Amino acid sequence: MAAVKKLYRSTKNRMLGGVCGGIAEYFGCDPTLIRLIYVALSLFTVAFPGIILYIICLLIIPNDPGYTDIV
């Protein structure tokens, strides 16, 4: 039986909320590439509401379960 991959916000590759870093970890690619694609889609297309989509993803995608917020 194959293990199910789950999408989490990254704690290691976090710039703002960890959304792009988590997507990069899920697909096994460089987080910088995901960020560049995201910015390009947000700036160069009118139909892609980038900031709204990022906020929605920030609210929906859970944090990495191995992450502890203890300082």
Protein backbone atom coordinates (compact mmCIF):
# COMPACT_ATOMS: atom_id res chain seq x y z
CA MET A 1 0.00 0.00 0.00
CA ALA A 2 1.40 3.38 -1.01
CA ALA A 3 1.86 6.12 1.54
CA VAL A 4 -0.40 9.14 1.03
CA LYS A 5 1.45 12.43 0.55
CA LYS A 6 -0.09 15.37 2.35
CA LEU A 7 0.33 19.05 1.62
CA TYR A 8 1.57 21.13 4.56
CA ARG A 9 2.92 24.65 4.90
CA SER A 10 6.69 24.47 5.17
CA THR A 11 8.58 25.34 8.30
CA LYS A 12 12.04 25.00 6.73
CA ASN A 13 11.43 26.88 3.46
CA ARG A 14 9.28 29.67 4.86
CA MET A 15 9.42 33.24 3.55
CA LEU A 16 5.98 34.54 4.55
CA GLY A 17 3.56 31.79 5.47
CA GLY A 18 5.30 28.73 4.05
CA VAL A 19 2.73 28.11 1.31
CA CYS A 20 5.14 28.13 -1.65
CA GLY A 21 7.74 26.21 0.34
CA GLY A 22 5.16 23.57 1.24
CA ILE A 23 4.06 23.21 -2.37
CA ALA A 24 7.70 22.81 -3.40
CA GLU A 25 8.26 20.12 -0.76
CA TYR A 26 5.11 18.32 -1.92
CA PHE A 27 6.27 18.21 -5.55
CA GLY A 28 9.95 17.71 -4.67
CA CYS A 29 11.31 20.81 -6.40
CA ASP A 30 13.11 24.03 -5.52
CA PRO A 31 10.98 26.51 -3.52
CA THR A 32 12.51 29.43 -5.42
CA LEU A 33 11.10 28.04 -8.66
CA ILE A 34 7.61 27.84 -7.15
CA ARG A 35 7.91 31.40 -5.85
CA LEU A 36 9.02 32.69 -9.26
CA ILE A 37 6.12 30.93 -11.00
CA TYR A 38 3.70 32.32 -8.41
CA VAL A 39 4.98 35.89 -8.81
CA ALA A 40 4.95 35.65 -12.61
CA LEU A 41 1.36 34.38 -12.61
CA SER A 42 0.33 37.09 -10.16
CA LEU A 43 1.93 39.94 -12.10
CA PHE A 44 1.35 38.97 -15.71
CA THR A 45 -2.20 37.65 -15.67
CA VAL A 46 -5.33 39.54 -14.75
CA ALA A 47 -7.35 36.39 -14.06
CA PHE A 48 -4.96 35.17 -11.32
CA PRO A 49 -5.76 36.93 -8.03
CA GLY A 50 -2.43 36.13 -6.40
CA ILE A 51 -2.75 37.79 -3.01
CA ILE A 52 -6.25 36.48 -2.39
CA LEU A 53 -5.25 32.94 -3.41
CA TYR A 54 -2.17 33.06 -1.13
CA ILE A 55 -4.28 34.16 1.85
CA ILE A 56 -6.82 31.41 1.18
CA CYS A 57 -4.03 28.82 0.96
CA LEU A 58 -2.50 30.21 4.15
CA LEU A 59 -5.79 29.63 5.96
CA ILE A 60 -6.60 26.22 4.45
CA ILE A 61 -3.23 24.41 4.27
CA PRO A 62 -2.22 23.18 7.75
CA ASN A 63 1.19 23.75 9.29
CA ASP A 64 3.73 20.92 9.25
CA PRO A 65 2.72 18.57 12.12
CA GLY A 66 6.35 18.19 13.21
CA TYR A 67 6.58 21.95 13.80
CA THR A 68 6.63 23.25 17.34
CA ASP A 69 6.11 26.96 17.96
CA ILE A 70 8.20 26.99 21.14
CA VAL A 71 10.86 29.69 21.18
